[in-house]
Amino acid sequence: MLGFAALAITACQSAPETPQTLEPALEPGAIPAQTASDPAAVPSGSAIMDQSVAVTPPDKAVPTKYAVFSGLWAGRLDGMYDAKLAVQTISSNGKVTVTYAWGTLGDNHPGEAAGVGRIVGTTLKLERLPNGADVSFVMRPDRTLAGTVRLAGQTYTGAFLKQ
């Protein structure tokens, strides 16, 4: 009995095992700083969406093929121009209300616009925005959006991920 107690006390005194992490922790300074001398490292403008923008979950009557568009999305057009999309409401016939925010894009400064649109098949097409942009999004099989913005004779494309 005394031997068992000594063994139990010894076991309690050993250092606890630290859980193994799948990813190493980043040390301060491990992420290189972005400098203005590298234009690709600094975005030309950030898309900022008003924090009061709210998404209303789709009603049960909204078909799943439309409901998957609901939510907040973020992406980069042409790999460098920030953009955000909030699909705020979706009706059972595919009509949507949205807020779209963009960073610096061509001659356009960062901005935000409320809009409406419609989902047909796998494509969400917005009515023309006040800045003249024509914007559409295609739902991909992996549940990301392929965004296209046409503005001032230029076409910008990029992938958008649900936030």
Protein backbone atom coordinates (compact mmCIF):
# COMPACT_ATOMS: atom_id res chain seq x y z
CA MET A 1 0.00 0.00 0.00
CA LEU A 2 2.82 2.36 0.88
CA GLY A 3 4.50 1.62 -2.48
CA PHE A 4 1.26 2.45 -4.35
CA ALA A 5 0.98 5.79 -2.50
CA ALA A 6 4.60 6.66 -3.36
CA LEU A 7 3.91 5.80 -7.02
CA ALA A 8 0.76 7.98 -7.02
CA ILE A 9 2.62 10.93 -5.48
CA THR A 10 5.42 10.60 -8.03
CA ALA A 11 2.91 10.55 -10.88
CA CYS A 12 1.27 13.71 -9.57
CA GLN A 13 4.62 15.50 -9.41
CA SER A 14 5.53 14.93 -13.05
CA ALA A 15 5.15 17.87 -15.40
CA PRO A 16 1.81 18.01 -17.18
CA GLU A 17 1.87 17.22 -20.86
CA THR A 18 1.49 20.20 -23.11
CA PRO A 19 -1.01 19.71 -25.89
CA GLN A 20 0.46 19.44 -29.36
CA THR A 21 -0.59 22.26 -31.65
CA LEU A 22 -1.10 21.71 -35.34
CA GLU A 23 0.30 25.10 -36.28
CA PRO A 24 3.30 26.76 -34.69
CA ALA A 25 2.62 30.03 -32.91
CA LEU A 26 3.87 33.09 -34.71
CA GLU A 27 6.54 35.04 -32.96
CA PRO A 28 6.23 38.82 -32.85
CA GLY A 29 7.80 40.23 -35.98
CA ALA A 30 7.47 36.94 -37.86
CA ILE A 31 5.16 38.58 -40.40
CA PRO A 32 7.19 40.89 -42.60
CA ALA A 33 6.09 44.51 -42.58
CA GLN A 34 4.58 45.87 -45.78
CA THR A 35 6.27 48.96 -47.09
CA ALA A 36 5.30 51.55 -49.66
CA SER A 37 8.37 50.60 -51.70
CA ASP A 38 6.59 47.38 -52.69
CA PRO A 39 3.38 48.47 -54.50
CA ALA A 40 2.06 44.90 -54.63
CA ALA A 41 2.24 44.67 -50.84
CA VAL A 42 0.14 47.77 -50.20
CA PRO A 43 -3.47 47.75 -51.36
CA SER A 44 -4.46 50.79 -53.34
CA GLY A 45 -7.48 51.37 -51.09
CA SER A 46 -9.56 49.47 -48.63
CA ALA A 47 -13.21 48.57 -48.91
CA ILE A 48 -14.96 49.61 -45.73
CA MET A 49 -18.51 48.54 -45.02
CA ASP A 50 -20.57 50.41 -42.46
CA GLN A 51 -20.89 48.27 -39.31
CA SER A 52 -24.62 48.97 -39.18
CA VAL A 53 -25.20 46.86 -42.31
CA ALA A 54 -27.24 43.84 -41.21
CA VAL A 55 -27.99 40.54 -42.89
CA THR A 56 -31.44 39.03 -42.35
CA PRO A 57 -31.34 35.22 -42.62
CA PRO A 58 -33.52 33.97 -45.49
CA ASP A 59 -37.03 32.76 -44.71
CA LYS A 60 -37.68 29.01 -44.97
CA ALA A 61 -39.66 29.70 -48.17
CA VAL A 62 -36.45 30.88 -49.92
CA PRO A 63 -35.01 28.05 -52.06
CA THR A 64 -31.59 26.83 -50.94
CA LYS A 65 -30.09 27.78 -54.32
CA TYR A 66 -30.85 31.41 -53.42
CA ALA A 67 -30.28 31.20 -49.67
CA VAL A 68 -26.59 30.26 -50.12
CA PHE A 69 -25.94 33.81 -51.33
CA SER A 70 -27.01 35.30 -47.99
CA GLY A 71 -24.30 36.79 -45.79
CA LEU A 72 -21.16 38.88 -45.79
CA TRP A 73 -18.56 38.26 -48.50
CA ALA A 74 -15.09 39.71 -49.05
CA GLY A 75 -12.70 39.48 -51.96
CA ARG A 76 -10.07 41.15 -54.09
CA LEU A 77 -10.64 42.18 -57.66
CA ASP A 78 -7.69 41.47 -59.94
CA GLY A 79 -5.83 40.35 -56.80
CA MET A 80 -5.38 43.88 -55.46
CA TYR A 81 -8.63 45.84 -55.11
CA ASP A 82 -10.62 45.18 -51.92
CA ALA A 83 -14.37 44.67 -52.20
CA LYS A 84 -17.13 43.52 -49.85
CA LEU A 85 -20.67 42.37 -50.44
CA ALA A 86 -23.47 42.04 -47.90
CA VAL A 87 -26.45 40.13 -49.27
CA GLN A 88 -28.91 41.50 -46.74
CA THR A 89 -32.25 40.04 -47.80
CA ILE A 90 -33.37 37.41 -50.30
CA SER A 91 -36.97 36.80 -51.32
CA SER A 92 -38.37 33.48 -52.50
CA ASN A 93 -38.34 34.72 -56.13
CA GLY A 94 -34.59 35.54 -56.01
CA LYS A 95 -34.78 39.31 -55.52
CA VAL A 96 -32.09 40.64 -53.18
CA THR A 97 -31.09 43.77 -51.33
CA VAL A 98 -27.38 44.32 -50.87
CA THR A 99 -24.71 46.69 -49.75
CA TYR A 100 -21.56 46.70 -51.86
CA ALA A 101 -18.32 48.36 -50.71
CA TRP A 102 -15.24 48.90 -52.84
CA GLY A 103 -11.74 50.12 -52.33
CA THR A 104 -9.89 52.38 -54.75
CA LEU A 105 -10.79 51.10 -58.21
CA GLY A 106 -9.63 53.01 -61.27
CA ASP A 107 -10.57 56.66 -60.72
CA ASN A 108 -13.10 55.71 -58.01
CA HIS A 109 -12.23 56.34 -54.40
CA PRO A 110 -13.38 53.82 -51.77
CA GLY A 111 -17.13 53.87 -51.31
CA GLU A 112 -20.27 51.97 -50.45
CA ALA A 113 -23.69 51.70 -52.08
CA ALA A 114 -26.98 50.07 -51.24
CA GLY A 115 -28.49 48.21 -54.15
CA VAL A 116 -30.93 45.63 -55.39
CA GLY A 117 -30.55 42.71 -57.70
CA ARG A 118 -31.82 39.33 -58.70
CA ILE A 119 -30.51 35.77 -58.62
CA VAL A 120 -31.07 33.79 -61.81
CA GLY A 121 -29.65 30.27 -61.78
CA THR A 122 -26.27 30.63 -60.08
CA THR A 123 -25.77 34.31 -60.92
CA LEU A 124 -26.54 37.30 -58.71
CA LYS A 125 -26.75 40.42 -60.89
CA LEU A 126 -27.02 43.83 -59.25
CA GLU A 127 -28.70 46.82 -60.83
CA ARG A 128 -26.18 49.47 -61.88
CA LEU A 129 -24.58 51.13 -58.84
CA PRO A 130 -24.56 54.93 -58.39
CA ASN A 131 -20.86 55.06 -59.41
CA GLY A 132 -21.78 53.44 -62.76
CA ALA A 133 -20.47 49.97 -61.93
CA ASP A 134 -22.20 46.83 -63.22
CA VAL A 135 -21.61 44.06 -60.68
CA SER A 136 -22.41 40.35 -60.79
CA PHE A 137 -21.48 37.26 -58.81
CA VAL A 138 -21.57 33.59 -59.80
CA MET A 139 -21.87 30.92 -57.10
CA ARG A 140 -19.17 28.31 -57.67
CA PRO A 141 -19.55 24.64 -56.70
CA ASP A 142 -17.12 25.24 -53.77
CA ARG A 143 -19.53 27.90 -52.39
CA THR A 144 -17.28 30.85 -53.21
CA LEU A 145 -18.43 33.70 -55.42
CA ALA A 146 -16.75 34.69 -58.67
CA GLY A 147 -17.24 38.46 -58.81
CA THR A 148 -17.15 40.66 -61.92
CA VAL A 149 -17.20 44.46 -61.87
CA ARG A 150 -17.43 46.50 -65.05
CA LEU A 151 -16.60 50.16 -64.53
CA ALA A 152 -15.50 52.90 -66.94
CA GLY A 153 -14.69 50.47 -69.74
CA GLN A 154 -12.63 48.16 -67.50
CA THR A 155 -13.52 44.69 -66.21
CA TYR A 156 -12.25 43.49 -62.83
CA THR A 157 -12.70 39.93 -61.51
CA GLY A 158 -12.01 38.12 -58.28
CA ALA A 159 -13.05 35.44 -55.82
CA PHE A 160 -15.18 36.30 -52.77
CA LEU A 161 -15.27 34.22 -49.60
CA LYS A 162 -18.07 34.14 -47.06
CA GLN A 163 -17.06 35.84 -43.83
